[in-house]
Every structure is written in C-alpha cells, then in structure tokens.
Amino acid sequence: MLSSSSAPPAAVQLTTNWTTSWWERATLSVLVTWVAFGLAVDTRSHRESASIDSFFTRSHALAYAAGTACAVFLLFLARRRQSAGAVGQRIIGSGLESAYLGLGVYVVGGIGDLFWHVNFGIEQELKILFSPTHLLLLAAMVMLGFGPIRAAWMSTDTQTANTPRPLSGPYVTGMTKFWPVALATGMLMAVLNIFFTYASPFEQPIFTVEVPLLVSQFSSFLQVAASMGVFIHTVAFFGLMLLLARRWSLPLGSFTLAFLVVFGSMYVYFDWEVRRTAVAMLIGGVACDAVNLLLSLVRNPRHRFRALGLIAPIVFWSVYLLVTKDGKAITWSAEQWSGTIGWSGLLGLALTVVLLPPKASPRSYLD
C-alpha cells in the first residue's frame, strides 16, 4: 500500500482537469483579433500599391507579428500545463486543439508565402484572394480563431446555476464571460469577409448602384452576382452566429460585438470608401441583438432557434438596404431586392436544420 507521502503533488491534478480558464480564452481571442486586423492591413497594401516587390514589408511584418504573438502565447500555455504535471494531449488544453493545429499550418503557409513571392512575385488585386499560400494562411487563421470558441464550448465556467438548457448548452451569465467567444467569432467573420471581397455587398451599396449605359445589358448578371454575395455572407456570418446559438443562449450584445470587429476591419481594409456599408453592418448587428432579445420570449428553445435563423438575416439585410439607400433610388426591381432578402432568411432557416437535427433522430455513425 502506498504511503501518504507518496501521493502525487496537487499540480498533477491538471492531468485529469484540463479545461481552459476564462483568461486564457480571453487573451487568445484578443490575439486572434489582431490577426484579422493584420490581414486587413496587409491585404490593403496589396490592393493599393502596385510597386511592392518584396516580401519584407511593414504590412507583412504586422500580419506575421500577430501570428507570432499567438504562437508565443499557445506555447506558453503548453509549457505552463506541462510544468504543472499535464501529460500527453492534456498539455494542449481542452478545445485548443484546432488552435495548435492552425499554428502549424500558419508556419507552413508563411514559409510557403515567402517562396511564392520570391518565385511568382507579389499578388495584386483579385489574385490576392486566390493565391494558394494565402488560402493556406486563411485555413490557419480560421483554425486559430476557432481555438477560443472550441475551448469555451468544452468549458463549463460560463454556466449559470439552476437555469434551463436552451439547446445543448447552458445559459451564460452575460457578456462579462461571453465576450471572448463573440470577439473570436467576429475575427472569423472579418477574415471571411476579406477573402470573399470579390463577392462582397460591402464594398459598395448593391441595391442602389448605378449601372453605366455601356454595360446596362449586363445589369441582370451583375444583380445576380450581387445577390450571390448576399447569400455567401449570410452563410458565413449567420452560420457562425447560429453555431454559437446552438450551444449557448446568446447574451445581449453578442451580435453587436461580432459585427463590430468586422466593422473595424472594413475601415482598415477599405478606409472611408465604404462608410455607409460598414455602418449598415454595425447597425445590422444591433438589430440582430434586438431580434434575439425579443425571441427570448419564445418558450420553446428549438422554435426560438429556428426563428432566429429565419428572422435575423432578413432584419440584417433590411437594415443594410435602409442605411445604404441614404436618399438614393433603388435600382433593383421590388421582386429582386425583396426576393434576395427573403432568400437570406430561408438560408438562415436551412442552417438551423443543419445545425439542429430532429429531436428524436437516432445517433449517426459519427457519434
């Protein structure tokens, strides 16, 4: 029989309790948001300067400094857990697996980006968003951004005692504990918004754009392309927010904070050229929070979730239409602009079906 003196030290308890703390998730959320703004600065420099002929620029330095800061912090956490007695996968911390994997992809993408620039030159305009090494960096940024979200997903320190479970997860006490999750989600939205610039309804107001006479015969094609941009961003933005709503009952301010990050990155990326569309995005986030608050009156959580997916995108794009109109005439037909907004709601509803299967559905082979 082991004597009491041979008992392991208290620090070794980390081998069984390896959830992340709130401050770890909050710090990582701030650092990954820096990554999004570094991307905005770097992409803007590619767009505006045709004279860039070197990989070693100030904008690249800012972007890669953000990734380096994430790497230093994640390695610090791993070393701290290891020193406390954690072994194996527990050194990483529950939920942070994607962040560490993203860190590795970021290193590979950064080295690949250097070789790409040396051999193929510096990308300009649309090529920025399709460069293979840039897409590799996009994947890394998404994995890093999901780190604090997954870590919070696996944690229980956002739980309020004796409260009903809305879907699969607990209510949260409010933005005091939840803001790191909303901030990291905003980072993901900002990164996707930049990489989908070629289909972005935020580069210019789409419903009031005036088509030159010489290309008027292509106006229908341009409107369809703009509608597809609305659909892409609906899936990107509300897919992420509905994923959070699938796990938590979102506190007031969740949509606003997430869209605030995108709002800020747009000003960095486009400067003041997109003032109306950026403001429309921010006000749309506030409106979605209002929708979420009103839907809290719905007692059935599954019905509330479906309604959020349907109504929030419709409200968001309706606000976009009203703000970007700003006294100008809507150049789209009533059927086109109303149908585009209506389709966004149907897409949001479809996302809830994907994220929330039937209540009595059997376990799949993946479970």
Protein backbone atom coordinates (compact mmCIF):
# COMPACT_ATOMS: atom_id res chain seq x y z
CA MET A 1 0.00 0.00 0.00
CA LEU A 2 1.29 3.45 -0.88
CA SER A 3 2.06 5.73 1.99
CA SER A 4 0.52 9.17 2.17
CA SER A 5 3.96 10.64 1.48
CA SER A 6 3.98 9.05 -1.98
CA ALA A 7 0.80 10.83 -3.13
CA PRO A 8 1.28 12.99 -6.25
CA PRO A 9 1.50 16.75 -5.81
CA ALA A 10 -1.64 18.83 -6.23
CA ALA A 11 -0.33 20.28 -9.51
CA VAL A 12 -0.69 16.88 -11.18
CA GLN A 13 -4.45 17.31 -10.96
CA LEU A 14 -4.16 19.02 -14.34
CA THR A 15 -3.79 15.55 -15.86
CA THR A 16 -7.49 14.98 -15.22
CA ASN A 17 -8.82 18.55 -15.28
CA TRP A 18 -7.60 20.14 -18.48
CA THR A 19 -10.29 22.66 -19.37
CA THR A 20 -9.13 26.16 -20.20
CA SER A 21 -9.61 29.15 -17.97
CA TRP A 22 -11.51 32.30 -18.90
CA TRP A 23 -8.39 34.45 -19.01
CA GLU A 24 -6.67 32.02 -21.40
CA ARG A 25 -9.59 32.18 -23.80
CA ALA A 26 -9.89 35.96 -23.45
CA THR A 27 -6.20 36.52 -24.18
CA LEU A 28 -6.23 34.22 -27.19
CA SER A 29 -9.37 35.94 -28.52
CA VAL A 30 -7.64 39.32 -28.40
CA LEU A 31 -4.56 37.92 -30.15
CA VAL A 32 -6.53 36.26 -32.95
CA THR A 33 -8.43 39.52 -33.47
CA TRP A 34 -5.03 41.13 -34.01
CA VAL A 35 -4.51 38.51 -36.73
CA ALA A 36 -7.68 39.71 -38.51
CA PHE A 37 -6.61 43.35 -38.42
CA GLY A 38 -3.09 42.41 -39.54
CA LEU A 39 -4.68 40.64 -42.50
CA ALA A 40 -6.75 43.74 -43.29
CA VAL A 41 -3.67 45.97 -43.28
CA ASP A 42 -1.63 43.56 -45.39
CA THR A 43 -4.39 42.95 -47.95
CA ARG A 44 -4.99 46.69 -48.27
CA SER A 45 -1.31 47.26 -49.03
CA HIS A 46 -1.52 44.62 -51.77
CA ARG A 47 -4.59 46.32 -53.23
CA GLU A 48 -3.27 49.88 -53.18
CA SER A 49 0.41 49.60 -54.01
CA ALA A 50 1.45 48.18 -57.35
CA SER A 51 5.10 48.89 -56.55
CA ILE A 52 5.51 46.25 -53.81
CA ASP A 53 8.35 44.00 -54.91
CA SER A 54 9.47 42.43 -51.64
CA PHE A 55 8.06 40.02 -49.09
CA PHE A 56 9.64 42.02 -46.28
CA THR A 57 7.24 44.94 -45.84
CA ARG A 58 5.76 46.69 -42.80
CA SER A 59 2.31 45.28 -43.54
CA HIS A 60 3.68 41.74 -43.73
CA ALA A 61 5.57 42.37 -40.50
CA LEU A 62 2.36 43.42 -38.74
CA ALA A 63 0.43 40.42 -40.07
CA TYR A 64 3.06 37.88 -39.13
CA ALA A 65 3.72 39.54 -35.78
CA ALA A 66 0.10 38.75 -34.88
CA GLY A 67 0.61 35.10 -35.77
CA THR A 68 3.87 35.07 -33.80
CA ALA A 69 2.11 36.51 -30.75
CA CYS A 70 -0.48 33.71 -30.94
CA ALA A 71 2.33 31.16 -31.23
CA VAL A 72 4.18 32.53 -28.21
CA PHE A 73 1.03 32.52 -26.09
CA LEU A 74 -0.01 29.00 -27.10
CA LEU A 75 3.47 27.66 -26.42
CA PHE A 76 3.45 29.45 -23.06
CA LEU A 77 0.16 27.72 -22.17
CA ALA A 78 1.53 24.34 -23.21
CA ARG A 79 4.69 24.82 -21.17
CA ARG A 80 2.68 26.04 -18.18
CA ARG A 81 0.46 22.95 -18.24
CA GLN A 82 3.40 20.65 -18.71
CA SER A 83 5.17 22.22 -15.71
CA ALA A 84 2.01 21.71 -13.66
CA GLY A 85 2.03 17.99 -14.41
CA ALA A 86 -0.12 17.65 -17.52
CA VAL A 87 0.91 14.90 -19.90
CA GLY A 88 0.05 13.92 -23.46
CA GLN A 89 -2.87 15.69 -25.08
CA ARG A 90 -3.69 17.42 -21.79
CA ILE A 91 -0.68 19.68 -22.37
CA ILE A 92 -2.71 21.34 -25.13
CA GLY A 93 -5.87 22.03 -23.16
CA SER A 94 -9.41 21.00 -23.99
CA GLY A 95 -10.75 22.72 -27.10
CA LEU A 96 -7.47 24.33 -28.16
CA GLU A 97 -6.51 21.51 -30.50
CA SER A 98 -7.58 23.46 -33.58
CA ALA A 99 -5.53 26.48 -32.48
CA TYR A 100 -2.34 24.43 -32.16
CA LEU A 101 -3.02 22.75 -35.50
CA GLY A 102 -3.68 26.16 -37.02
CA LEU A 103 -0.37 27.37 -35.63
CA GLY A 104 1.43 24.63 -37.53
CA VAL A 105 -0.46 25.42 -40.73
CA TYR A 106 0.35 29.12 -40.22
CA VAL A 107 4.08 28.35 -40.12
CA VAL A 108 3.87 26.23 -43.27
CA GLY A 109 1.74 28.88 -45.00
CA GLY A 110 4.09 31.69 -44.01
CA ILE A 111 7.16 29.86 -45.34
CA GLY A 112 5.24 28.92 -48.48
CA ASP A 113 4.14 32.55 -48.91
CA LEU A 114 7.78 33.67 -48.84
CA PHE A 115 8.79 31.17 -51.53
CA TRP A 116 5.70 32.02 -53.59
CA HIS A 117 6.54 35.73 -53.58
CA VAL A 118 10.18 35.04 -54.47
CA ASN A 119 9.27 32.81 -57.42
CA PHE A 120 5.99 34.29 -58.66
CA GLY A 121 6.11 37.89 -57.46
CA ILE A 122 3.71 39.90 -55.28
CA GLU A 123 0.00 39.34 -55.92
CA GLN A 124 -2.21 42.28 -56.80
CA GLU A 125 -5.99 42.83 -56.91
CA LEU A 126 -8.09 39.64 -57.23
CA LYS A 127 -5.07 37.34 -57.24
CA ILE A 128 -4.51 38.17 -53.56
CA LEU A 129 -7.62 36.23 -52.59
CA PHE A 130 -6.80 33.13 -54.64
CA SER A 131 -3.10 32.66 -54.01
CA PRO A 132 -2.61 29.06 -52.77
CA THR A 133 -0.36 30.16 -49.92
CA HIS A 134 -2.85 32.85 -48.90
CA LEU A 135 -5.61 30.22 -48.84
CA LEU A 136 -3.37 28.11 -46.62
CA LEU A 137 -2.99 31.10 -44.30
CA LEU A 138 -6.78 31.54 -44.40
CA ALA A 139 -7.21 27.97 -43.18
CA ALA A 140 -4.69 28.64 -40.41
CA MET A 141 -6.49 31.81 -39.32
CA VAL A 142 -9.83 30.01 -39.19
CA MET A 143 -8.34 27.25 -37.05
CA LEU A 144 -6.73 29.80 -34.73
CA GLY A 145 -9.99 31.74 -34.47
CA PHE A 146 -11.93 28.62 -33.57
CA GLY A 147 -9.48 27.92 -30.73
CA PRO A 148 -11.07 30.11 -28.02
CA ILE A 149 -14.57 29.25 -29.29
CA ARG A 150 -14.00 25.50 -29.02
CA ALA A 151 -12.26 25.93 -25.68
CA ALA A 152 -15.29 27.79 -24.33
CA TRP A 153 -17.57 25.16 -25.88
CA MET A 154 -15.79 22.47 -23.86
CA SER A 155 -15.79 24.53 -20.68
CA THR A 156 -18.48 24.85 -18.02
CA ASP A 157 -17.40 28.10 -16.38
CA THR A 158 -19.96 30.09 -18.43
CA GLN A 159 -22.78 28.14 -16.83
CA THR A 160 -25.36 29.75 -14.59
CA ALA A 161 -26.56 27.50 -11.81
CA ASN A 162 -30.10 26.12 -11.91
CA THR A 163 -31.01 27.50 -15.32
CA PRO A 164 -32.71 25.52 -18.10
CA ARG A 165 -30.67 24.29 -21.02
CA PRO A 166 -31.77 26.17 -24.20
CA LEU A 167 -30.50 23.58 -26.69
CA SER A 168 -27.42 21.57 -25.82
CA GLY A 169 -25.64 24.04 -23.61
CA PRO A 170 -26.27 26.28 -20.62
CA TYR A 171 -27.25 29.88 -20.41
CA VAL A 172 -24.41 32.30 -19.84
CA THR A 173 -24.28 34.98 -17.21
CA GLY A 174 -23.81 37.76 -19.74
CA MET A 175 -21.20 39.43 -21.91
CA THR A 176 -18.77 39.62 -18.98
CA LYS A 177 -17.95 35.95 -19.51
CA PHE A 178 -19.06 35.57 -23.10
CA TRP A 179 -17.26 38.41 -24.89
CA PRO A 180 -14.14 36.34 -25.77
CA VAL A 181 -16.36 33.95 -27.74
CA ALA A 182 -18.15 36.80 -29.54
CA LEU A 183 -14.83 38.54 -30.23
CA ALA A 184 -13.25 35.41 -31.74
CA THR A 185 -16.38 34.89 -33.83
CA GLY A 186 -16.08 38.45 -35.11
CA MET A 187 -12.48 37.68 -36.05
CA LEU A 188 -13.62 34.72 -38.15
CA MET A 189 -16.29 36.84 -39.80
CA ALA A 190 -13.77 39.59 -40.57
CA VAL A 191 -11.31 37.16 -42.15
CA LEU A 192 -14.02 35.55 -44.29
CA ASN A 193 -15.33 38.99 -45.28
CA ILE A 194 -11.91 39.94 -46.63
CA PHE A 195 -11.38 36.69 -48.52
CA PHE A 196 -14.85 36.98 -50.07
CA THR A 197 -14.30 40.59 -51.16
CA TYR A 198 -14.84 39.63 -54.79
CA ALA A 199 -18.44 38.74 -53.85
CA SER A 200 -18.89 41.34 -51.13
CA PRO A 201 -22.01 43.51 -50.84
CA PHE A 202 -19.99 45.74 -48.51
CA GLU A 203 -17.51 47.16 -51.00
CA GLN A 204 -20.31 49.34 -52.35
CA PRO A 205 -24.08 49.52 -51.78
CA ILE A 206 -25.52 46.94 -54.14
CA PHE A 207 -29.20 47.91 -54.21
CA THR A 208 -28.55 51.49 -55.35
CA VAL A 209 -25.54 51.05 -57.63
CA GLU A 210 -25.95 52.79 -60.98
CA VAL A 211 -25.03 50.63 -63.94
CA PRO A 212 -23.29 52.56 -66.78
CA LEU A 213 -25.17 52.66 -70.06
CA LEU A 214 -22.48 50.69 -71.91
CA VAL A 215 -22.94 47.69 -69.62
CA SER A 216 -26.66 48.04 -68.96
CA GLN A 217 -27.28 44.83 -70.88
CA PHE A 218 -25.32 43.05 -68.16
CA SER A 219 -27.27 44.63 -65.29
CA SER A 220 -29.23 41.44 -64.60
CA PHE A 221 -26.00 39.46 -64.42
CA LEU A 222 -24.48 41.99 -62.02
CA GLN A 223 -27.57 41.88 -59.81
CA VAL A 224 -27.47 38.08 -59.68
CA ALA A 225 -23.78 38.23 -58.74
CA ALA A 226 -24.58 40.75 -56.01
CA SER A 227 -27.39 38.51 -54.73
CA MET A 228 -24.94 35.61 -54.54
CA GLY A 229 -22.69 37.85 -52.46
CA VAL A 230 -25.55 38.38 -50.02
CA PHE A 231 -26.10 34.62 -49.83
CA ILE A 232 -22.40 33.85 -49.30
CA HIS A 233 -22.13 36.37 -46.48
CA THR A 234 -25.38 35.16 -44.94
CA VAL A 235 -23.94 31.66 -44.67
CA ALA A 236 -20.56 32.92 -43.43
CA PHE A 237 -21.89 35.38 -40.84
CA PHE A 238 -25.05 33.74 -39.58
CA GLY A 239 -23.67 30.23 -39.84
CA LEU A 240 -21.14 31.22 -37.19
CA MET A 241 -23.63 33.08 -35.00
CA LEU A 242 -26.15 30.25 -35.19
CA LEU A 243 -23.41 27.81 -34.22
CA LEU A 244 -22.98 29.84 -31.01
CA ALA A 245 -26.75 29.95 -30.51
CA ARG A 246 -26.78 26.15 -30.87
CA ARG A 247 -24.51 25.89 -27.83
CA TRP A 248 -25.48 28.89 -25.69
CA SER A 249 -28.37 31.22 -25.13
CA LEU A 250 -26.64 34.29 -26.55
CA PRO A 251 -26.42 37.28 -24.16
CA LEU A 252 -27.38 40.73 -25.34
CA GLY A 253 -24.52 42.28 -27.31
CA SER A 254 -23.20 39.09 -28.91
CA PHE A 255 -24.16 40.07 -32.47
CA THR A 256 -23.08 43.68 -31.96
CA LEU A 257 -19.58 42.78 -30.73
CA ALA A 258 -19.02 40.25 -33.51
CA PHE A 259 -20.11 42.69 -36.21
CA LEU A 260 -18.10 45.46 -34.55
CA VAL A 261 -14.93 43.52 -35.31
CA VAL A 262 -15.94 43.23 -38.97
CA PHE A 263 -16.86 46.92 -38.96
CA GLY A 264 -13.38 47.84 -37.71
CA SER A 265 -11.57 45.58 -40.17
CA MET A 266 -13.58 47.08 -43.04
CA TYR A 267 -12.39 50.58 -42.16
CA VAL A 268 -8.81 49.32 -42.09
CA TYR A 269 -9.24 47.42 -45.35
CA PHE A 270 -11.33 49.88 -47.37
CA ASP A 271 -10.65 53.10 -45.44
CA TRP A 272 -13.58 55.57 -45.61
CA GLU A 273 -14.74 54.43 -49.03
CA VAL A 274 -17.31 52.05 -47.53
CA ARG A 275 -18.60 54.23 -44.73
CA ARG A 276 -22.28 53.56 -45.40
CA THR A 277 -21.94 49.81 -45.81
CA ALA A 278 -19.76 49.50 -42.70
CA VAL A 279 -22.27 51.49 -40.65
CA ALA A 280 -25.05 49.33 -42.09
CA MET A 281 -23.21 46.24 -40.87
CA LEU A 282 -22.83 47.61 -37.35
CA ILE A 283 -26.45 48.76 -37.09
CA GLY A 284 -27.49 45.39 -38.51
CA GLY A 285 -25.64 43.68 -35.66
CA VAL A 286 -27.51 45.81 -33.12
CA ALA A 287 -30.80 44.94 -34.85
CA CYS A 288 -29.98 41.22 -34.68
CA ASP A 289 -29.37 41.57 -30.94
CA ALA A 290 -32.81 43.16 -30.65
CA VAL A 291 -34.31 40.23 -32.57
CA ASN A 292 -32.53 37.78 -30.29
CA LEU A 293 -33.84 39.63 -27.24
CA LEU A 294 -37.44 39.58 -28.50
CA LEU A 295 -37.18 35.89 -29.34
CA SER A 296 -36.23 35.15 -25.75
CA LEU A 297 -39.99 35.45 -25.11
CA VAL A 298 -40.49 32.24 -27.13
CA ARG A 299 -40.64 29.45 -24.56
CA ASN A 300 -39.70 26.54 -26.83
CA PRO A 301 -35.90 26.75 -27.35
CA ARG A 302 -35.96 24.83 -30.62
CA HIS A 303 -38.62 27.12 -32.06
CA ARG A 304 -36.60 30.11 -30.84
CA PHE A 305 -33.51 28.80 -32.61
CA ARG A 306 -35.37 28.24 -35.89
CA ALA A 307 -36.95 31.70 -35.68
CA LEU A 308 -33.56 33.33 -35.07
CA GLY A 309 -32.15 31.67 -38.19
CA LEU A 310 -35.08 32.87 -40.29
CA ILE A 311 -35.61 36.39 -38.95
CA ALA A 312 -32.10 37.65 -38.11
CA PRO A 313 -30.73 37.58 -41.71
CA ILE A 314 -33.90 39.24 -43.04
CA VAL A 315 -33.59 42.02 -40.46
CA PHE A 316 -29.85 42.41 -41.07
CA TRP A 317 -30.17 42.82 -44.86
CA SER A 318 -33.25 45.02 -44.50
CA VAL A 319 -31.20 47.35 -42.30
CA TYR A 320 -28.44 47.21 -44.91
CA LEU A 321 -30.96 48.30 -47.58
CA LEU A 322 -32.33 51.18 -45.49
CA VAL A 323 -28.93 52.52 -44.41
CA THR A 324 -27.18 52.23 -47.78
CA LYS A 325 -30.15 53.73 -49.60
CA ASP A 326 -29.50 57.07 -47.89
CA GLY A 327 -31.85 59.02 -50.14
CA LYS A 328 -30.80 57.28 -53.34
CA ALA A 329 -33.12 55.41 -55.67
CA ILE A 330 -33.18 51.61 -55.50
CA THR A 331 -32.11 50.45 -58.94
CA TRP A 332 -33.31 46.88 -58.41
CA SER A 333 -36.89 45.82 -59.03
CA ALA A 334 -39.06 45.18 -55.99
CA GLU A 335 -39.05 41.46 -56.77
CA GLN A 336 -35.25 41.32 -56.94
CA TRP A 337 -34.36 43.16 -53.77
CA SER A 338 -37.18 41.69 -51.67
CA GLY A 339 -36.50 38.21 -53.03
CA THR A 340 -32.79 38.49 -52.23
CA ILE A 341 -33.58 39.46 -48.64
CA GLY A 342 -36.18 36.72 -48.43
CA TRP A 343 -33.71 34.13 -49.68
CA SER A 344 -31.26 35.16 -46.94
CA GLY A 345 -33.90 34.25 -44.35
CA LEU A 346 -34.53 30.88 -45.99
CA LEU A 347 -30.79 30.20 -45.97
CA GLY A 348 -30.64 31.06 -42.27
CA LEU A 349 -33.53 28.70 -41.61
CA ALA A 350 -31.76 25.98 -43.61
CA LEU A 351 -28.66 26.48 -41.47
CA THR A 352 -30.70 25.78 -38.34
CA VAL A 353 -31.85 22.50 -39.87
CA VAL A 354 -28.23 21.52 -40.49
CA LEU A 355 -27.06 22.63 -37.04
CA LEU A 356 -30.02 21.23 -35.12
CA PRO A 357 -31.21 17.80 -36.32
CA PRO A 358 -34.61 16.38 -35.42
CA LYS A 359 -35.06 15.94 -31.69
CA ALA A 360 -35.73 12.21 -31.84
CA SER A 361 -33.14 11.45 -34.52
CA PRO A 362 -31.02 8.31 -33.94
CA ARG A 363 -27.30 8.55 -33.36
CA SER A 364 -25.26 8.69 -36.54
CA TYR A 365 -22.17 6.62 -37.27
CA LEU A 366 -20.10 9.70 -36.41
CA ASP A 367 -21.39 9.82 -32.81
